[in-house]
Amino acid sequence: MITKTIDRNFSNMRLDRFLRKAFPNEPLSVFFAVLRKKKVRVNGKVAKANLMLAEGDLVQIYENFKSLDSNINTPQKPLWGKKPTYTSLEYLKENLDIVLESEDYIVVNKPSGVPSQPGSGTRPGESLVEMLWEWGKNNDLDFKPTIAHRLDQETSGLLVCALHGDTLRELTKLIREHKVDKYYLALVKGNLKKERGSIRLSLSRTNAPQGSKMKVTEEGLSAVTHYSVKQHFQNFDLVKIKLETGKMHQIRAHFAALGHPLAGDTRYGDFALNRELKKSCSLNRLFLHSTRLEFDWKGKHIVVDSALPKELLSVLQNLK
């Protein structure tokens, strides 16, 4: 018999999902079999797959799984191929910038060029998610830190990361209900006609060998971007942006659709202009930075700010 006690990371989770998390090396057929044969009890009672677990519940499994050494903290086999080799401490110190740390979450400042999560074309151990896993292991956490939202690889700035399962569920709920305010700074081509405004253009995802893009279409998903001009330059505007919705590439696709693509954008931008900015201002990345997060947590209003990184400040100095 295997016995496990549910902690806060796995409360409010269905029993069948908990079993998959607790024993990632077992095939699904094993879980279906033990549940069907009534070999799983919760608090002494035979339990069904859809039972919602609570913190403190005692789960008893009357079966010896092959992976008895498995536990709920064992990483599952990555979908992207070989098991990643985690980053070195030296790399971690250079690339994991923790702006705010609390008991429930941390807010990190992601550099441009670091992907939010592993994927094709990403070297093992160099995504933000893998850095967080290593950081959590070094700090003896019983939960693998998980980002509650994402930034494009080229975008820098603030991301909130959950340190517990219940925190992750609450943060994703806040984001889904648009209760986390996200602000960005971007440099766009040309000078906007209005000092402030809202872009309301629906977006649809299109796939291509060169990579997925978002396209403005009437039948797409609703997307809303609010902006205000912070500073005018000759042929450029620095804008502050607040997202009402959070679709993939939303800011980049919206401003490109207006004829004001972001500086340094290699997917939606003006390629000739990008080459010129690279020569004259040493801009080697997308000029988009997540500069502020605001949300309410346990009765407190949380505000976290991140200044423009030095390589983007240098571009503005050159434009002046």
Foldseek 3Di string as FASTA:
>chain_A
DDKDFAAQQQAQHFPLVQVCLFCVPDDSVVVVVQLVVQQKDKPRHRDHRRDGHHGGIMIGGNDDDPPPVGGNQDDHQDPADHDFDADDPVVLVVAWAWQDDDPWKTKTKGAAQAFCDDDPPDHGRRHVQSSQQVVCVVVVQPHRKAWLDGDGNQETEITMITSGNVSSVVSVVCVVVQQKKWKKKFKWFADDPDQWDKQWFFWDWDQDPVGIDIAGDPPHHTWMKIWGFDDDFVRMTIIMIITSHDDVCRVQRRCLVVVIGTAQDPPSDDVVNNVVLCVQQVDNTTGMYGAWIWHDDPRDIDITGDDDDPSNVSSVVSRD
